[in-house]
């Protein structure tokens, strides 16, 4: 006969065997005999078993929760640039894709700023790698100071390039942020004596803005911002250029 009682080791129902001498209780899985003497003992065992099961569940939950937190921590590390403490390219790509879909759903504008440090190779050749790393760190802090909203993301994209994602931002607002970034970096007065442009470090910035669509990918916005950045360099550097021909079919973002 299968019992309502459980084996404390296996958490499986016990079997009851009645012989002419006595009643035997044993586990059908581990074959361990359970000397159940009376209802009181059985009740105590049931309580103890319940406590054990809850404790085991809590331990399992704790291990799972720790794994979840560890996974989130590792994911955060994977998305963080160690030099500047900004988002890295991986983090940028993830966030751009997320905000593209969110703005497409809300039919709201998404803006992107790409900026390069002008003649950074010359700076690196002149002052060395350690100074160049410090320079990138200072520029990162200056850019982050100009980008104030929690939903905005500043990323160290690669080398001397930084990228800023601005959800719910029209072109005019994005250009304003870009000018603030350029001004912040200018106030640092980082010497760049061998630059053909200025005695201090400068930035070139390209801005693009559009209302995303599920029909297109974020690469469309990235391409437009890249073209605007190249335009800023062609026109003399140390300036902000807005990509003015960015289309969603024939729809331009309202300036």
Protein backbone atom coordinates (compact mmCIF):
# COMPACT_ATOMS: atom_id res chain seq x y z
CA UNK A 1 0.00 0.00 0.00
CA UNK A 2 1.31 3.45 -0.92
CA UNK A 3 1.34 5.84 2.02
CA UNK A 4 0.80 9.55 2.29
CA UNK A 5 4.07 9.66 4.25
CA UNK A 6 7.26 10.61 2.41
CA UNK A 7 10.81 9.34 2.62
CA UNK A 8 12.92 12.13 4.17
CA UNK A 9 15.81 11.28 1.84
CA UNK A 10 13.99 10.81 -1.46
CA UNK A 11 10.79 12.80 -0.92
CA UNK A 12 8.83 9.85 -2.32
CA UNK A 13 5.77 8.12 -0.79
CA UNK A 14 6.52 5.22 1.55
CA UNK A 15 5.18 1.72 1.10
CA UNK A 16 3.49 -0.06 3.96
CA UNK A 17 3.95 -3.81 4.37
CA UNK A 18 1.80 -5.66 6.92
CA UNK A 19 3.12 -8.95 8.26
CA UNK A 20 1.98 -11.16 11.11
CA UNK A 21 4.59 -9.60 13.35
CA UNK A 22 4.38 -5.88 12.65
CA UNK A 23 3.83 -3.13 10.12
CA UNK A 24 6.85 -2.18 8.03
CA UNK A 25 7.34 1.19 6.35
CA UNK A 26 10.02 1.50 3.70
CA UNK A 27 10.96 3.60 0.67
CA UNK A 28 10.38 1.87 -2.64
CA UNK A 29 13.26 3.84 -4.17
CA UNK A 30 16.10 3.62 -1.65
CA UNK A 31 14.67 0.59 0.23
CA UNK A 32 15.34 2.28 3.54
CA UNK A 33 13.06 1.14 6.33
CA UNK A 34 11.23 3.88 8.21
CA UNK A 35 10.38 2.92 11.82
CA UNK A 36 7.17 4.95 12.06
CA UNK A 37 5.93 4.31 15.61
CA UNK A 38 2.87 6.43 15.94
CA UNK A 39 0.94 9.36 14.50
CA UNK A 40 2.88 11.87 16.58
CA UNK A 41 6.20 10.72 15.16
CA UNK A 42 4.72 10.65 11.68
CA UNK A 43 3.49 14.21 12.11
CA UNK A 44 6.88 15.36 13.37
CA UNK A 45 8.60 13.72 10.42
CA UNK A 46 6.18 15.34 8.03
CA UNK A 47 6.95 18.73 9.57
CA UNK A 48 10.67 18.07 9.45
CA UNK A 49 10.40 16.95 5.85
CA UNK A 50 8.46 20.08 4.98
CA UNK A 51 11.17 22.22 6.54
CA UNK A 52 13.84 20.31 4.63
CA UNK A 53 11.98 20.72 1.35
CA UNK A 54 11.50 24.45 1.91
CA UNK A 55 15.17 24.85 2.85
CA UNK A 56 16.27 22.97 -0.25
CA UNK A 57 13.97 25.09 -2.38
CA UNK A 58 15.45 28.23 -0.84
CA UNK A 59 18.98 26.99 -1.52
CA UNK A 60 18.07 26.25 -5.15
CA UNK A 61 16.41 29.64 -5.49
CA UNK A 62 19.44 31.31 -3.96
CA UNK A 63 21.76 29.54 -6.42
CA UNK A 64 19.48 30.52 -9.33
CA UNK A 65 19.27 34.13 -8.14
CA UNK A 66 23.03 34.33 -7.73
CA UNK A 67 23.46 32.97 -11.25
CA UNK A 68 21.01 35.56 -12.56
CA UNK A 69 22.87 38.39 -10.82
CA UNK A 70 26.20 37.04 -12.03
CA UNK A 71 24.84 36.81 -15.57
CA UNK A 72 23.63 40.40 -15.42
CA UNK A 73 26.98 41.50 -13.98
CA UNK A 74 28.91 39.71 -16.73
CA UNK A 75 26.58 41.15 -19.36
CA UNK A 76 27.19 44.62 -17.95
CA UNK A 77 30.95 44.05 -18.06
CA UNK A 78 30.66 42.83 -21.65
CA UNK A 79 28.92 46.10 -22.59
CA UNK A 80 31.33 48.43 -20.76
CA UNK A 81 34.50 50.00 -22.13
CA UNK A 82 37.18 49.58 -19.47
CA UNK A 83 39.22 52.60 -20.48
CA UNK A 84 36.46 55.23 -20.46
CA UNK A 85 33.81 53.46 -18.34
CA UNK A 86 31.28 54.27 -21.06
CA UNK A 87 29.28 51.75 -23.05
CA UNK A 88 31.42 49.95 -25.62
CA UNK A 89 30.48 49.12 -29.20
CA UNK A 90 28.61 45.99 -28.12
CA UNK A 91 26.57 47.96 -25.59
CA UNK A 92 25.96 50.65 -28.21
CA UNK A 93 24.66 48.15 -30.76
CA UNK A 94 22.32 46.55 -28.23
CA UNK A 95 20.90 49.88 -27.08
CA UNK A 96 20.51 51.28 -30.59
CA UNK A 97 18.55 48.21 -31.65
CA UNK A 98 16.37 48.43 -28.52
CA UNK A 99 15.61 52.13 -28.94
CA UNK A 100 15.03 51.74 -32.67
CA UNK A 101 12.26 49.24 -31.98
CA UNK A 102 10.84 51.33 -29.13
CA UNK A 103 10.76 54.54 -31.18
CA UNK A 104 9.25 52.65 -34.13
CA UNK A 105 6.48 51.45 -31.84
CA UNK A 106 5.89 54.94 -30.42
CA UNK A 107 6.48 56.70 -33.76
CA UNK A 108 8.91 59.05 -32.02
CA UNK A 109 12.20 60.49 -33.34
CA UNK A 110 15.54 58.84 -32.64
CA UNK A 111 18.74 60.84 -33.07
CA UNK A 112 22.36 59.74 -33.28
CA UNK A 113 25.56 61.74 -32.90
CA UNK A 114 28.93 60.40 -34.05
CA UNK A 115 32.07 62.33 -33.15
CA UNK A 116 35.76 61.91 -33.86
CA UNK A 117 38.70 63.57 -32.15
CA UNK A 118 40.39 65.58 -34.89
CA UNK A 119 43.86 64.38 -35.91
CA UNK A 120 44.03 61.91 -33.04
CA UNK A 121 46.71 59.84 -34.77
CA UNK A 122 48.93 62.92 -34.73
CA UNK A 123 48.17 63.35 -31.03
CA UNK A 124 49.07 59.71 -30.36
CA UNK A 125 52.30 59.96 -32.35
CA UNK A 126 53.27 63.15 -30.51
CA UNK A 127 52.40 62.30 -26.90
CA UNK A 128 52.35 58.48 -26.77
CA UNK A 129 49.80 55.86 -25.81
CA UNK A 130 49.47 56.69 -22.11
CA UNK A 131 48.74 60.34 -22.84
CA UNK A 132 46.31 59.29 -25.57
CA UNK A 133 44.45 57.04 -23.14
CA UNK A 134 44.19 59.89 -20.63
CA UNK A 135 42.97 62.14 -23.41
CA UNK A 136 40.20 59.68 -24.30
CA UNK A 137 39.19 59.51 -20.65
CA UNK A 138 38.96 63.30 -20.37
CA UNK A 139 36.93 63.53 -23.58
CA UNK A 140 34.61 60.77 -22.36
CA UNK A 141 33.91 62.69 -19.14
CA UNK A 142 33.26 65.90 -21.08
CA UNK A 143 30.82 64.21 -23.46
CA UNK A 144 28.98 62.50 -20.62
CA UNK A 145 28.65 65.86 -18.84
CA UNK A 146 26.90 67.34 -21.88
CA UNK A 147 24.44 64.45 -22.21
CA UNK A 148 22.14 64.76 -19.22
CA UNK A 149 19.01 62.63 -19.73
CA UNK A 150 18.93 59.11 -18.23
CA UNK A 151 17.60 57.57 -21.46
CA UNK A 152 20.51 58.93 -23.54
CA UNK A 153 23.54 56.71 -24.08
CA UNK A 154 27.17 57.74 -24.57
CA UNK A 155 29.46 55.07 -26.00
CA UNK A 156 33.14 54.77 -26.82
CA UNK A 157 32.55 53.29 -30.24
CA UNK A 158 36.13 52.62 -31.32
CA UNK A 159 39.50 54.35 -31.30
CA UNK A 160 38.89 58.11 -31.25
CA UNK A 161 35.19 57.75 -32.13
CA UNK A 162 32.32 58.30 -29.70
CA UNK A 163 28.61 57.77 -30.29
CA UNK A 164 25.58 59.24 -28.55
CA UNK A 165 22.05 57.81 -28.81
CA UNK A 166 19.24 60.29 -28.13
CA UNK A 167 15.75 58.75 -27.97
CA UNK A 168 12.73 61.04 -28.34
CA UNK A 169 14.94 63.78 -29.76
CA UNK A 170 14.32 65.77 -32.94
CA UNK A 171 17.14 66.94 -35.17
CA UNK A 172 17.22 70.42 -33.66
CA UNK A 173 17.65 69.04 -30.15
CA UNK A 174 20.36 66.63 -31.29
CA UNK A 175 22.30 69.45 -32.95
CA UNK A 176 22.08 71.43 -29.70
CA UNK A 177 23.50 68.48 -27.74
CA UNK A 178 26.28 68.06 -30.31
CA UNK A 179 27.25 71.74 -29.96
CA UNK A 180 27.26 71.33 -26.18
CA UNK A 181 29.64 68.38 -26.54
CA UNK A 182 31.95 70.34 -28.82
CA UNK A 183 31.95 73.23 -26.36
CA UNK A 184 32.65 70.97 -23.36
CA UNK A 185 35.67 69.40 -25.06
CA UNK A 186 36.91 72.82 -26.14
CA UNK A 187 36.94 74.04 -22.53
CA UNK A 188 39.30 71.20 -21.58
CA UNK A 189 42.11 73.02 -23.41
CA UNK A 190 43.95 69.78 -24.13
CA UNK A 191 47.17 70.79 -25.89
CA UNK A 192 47.67 69.43 -29.41
CA UNK A 193 50.70 71.33 -30.62
CA UNK A 194 51.21 69.39 -33.87
CA UNK A 195 47.63 69.66 -35.10
CA UNK A 196 47.26 71.52 -38.43
CA UNK A 197 43.90 72.81 -37.17
CA UNK A 198 44.30 74.18 -33.64
CA UNK A 199 46.70 74.25 -30.70
CA UNK A 200 43.99 72.52 -28.66
CA UNK A 201 42.06 69.29 -29.12
CA UNK A 202 38.87 69.59 -31.21
CA UNK A 203 35.97 67.38 -32.30
CA UNK A 204 34.10 66.82 -35.54
CA UNK A 205 30.49 65.71 -35.11
CA UNK A 206 27.85 64.26 -37.42
CA UNK A 207 24.15 64.23 -36.51
CA UNK A 208 21.27 62.23 -37.95
CA UNK A 209 17.65 62.00 -36.85
CA UNK A 210 14.64 60.06 -38.02
CA UNK A 211 11.43 58.35 -37.01
CA UNK A 212 12.29 54.63 -37.06
CA UNK A 213 10.25 52.03 -38.88
CA UNK A 214 10.04 48.25 -38.54
CA UNK A 215 10.65 48.13 -42.30
CA UNK A 216 14.21 49.36 -41.92
CA UNK A 217 17.19 48.66 -39.67
CA UNK A 218 19.17 50.95 -37.34
CA UNK A 219 21.98 50.74 -39.89
CA UNK A 220 20.12 53.38 -41.88
CA UNK A 221 20.54 55.89 -39.05
CA UNK A 222 24.15 54.86 -38.53
CA UNK A 223 24.94 55.38 -42.22
CA UNK A 224 23.40 58.84 -42.19
CA UNK A 225 25.32 59.89 -39.07
CA UNK A 226 28.56 58.55 -40.58
CA UNK A 227 27.96 60.58 -43.75
CA UNK A 228 27.31 63.68 -41.66
CA UNK A 229 30.55 63.10 -39.72
CA UNK A 230 32.51 62.76 -42.95
CA UNK A 231 30.87 65.97 -44.13
CA UNK A 232 32.09 67.75 -41.00
CA UNK A 233 35.64 66.63 -41.73
CA UNK A 234 35.46 67.65 -45.39
CA UNK A 235 34.16 71.10 -44.44
CA UNK A 236 37.12 71.81 -42.17
CA UNK A 237 36.56 69.81 -38.93
CA UNK A 238 35.82 71.25 -35.47
CA UNK A 239 32.13 71.59 -36.34
CA UNK A 240 28.70 69.95 -36.22
CA UNK A 241 26.98 68.82 -39.43
CA UNK A 242 23.38 67.56 -39.63
CA UNK A 243 22.46 64.97 -42.22
CA UNK A 244 19.66 66.79 -44.02
CA UNK A 245 18.52 64.17 -46.51
CA UNK A 246 17.62 61.30 -44.19
CA UNK A 247 14.36 59.76 -45.37
CA UNK A 248 11.80 57.33 -44.12
CA UNK A 249 10.39 56.75 -47.58
CA UNK A 250 9.81 60.47 -48.36
CA UNK A 251 9.28 61.60 -44.75
CA UNK A 252 11.83 64.00 -43.26
CA UNK A 253 12.11 64.58 -39.54
CA UNK A 254 10.62 67.97 -38.72
CA UNK A 255 13.30 70.45 -37.75
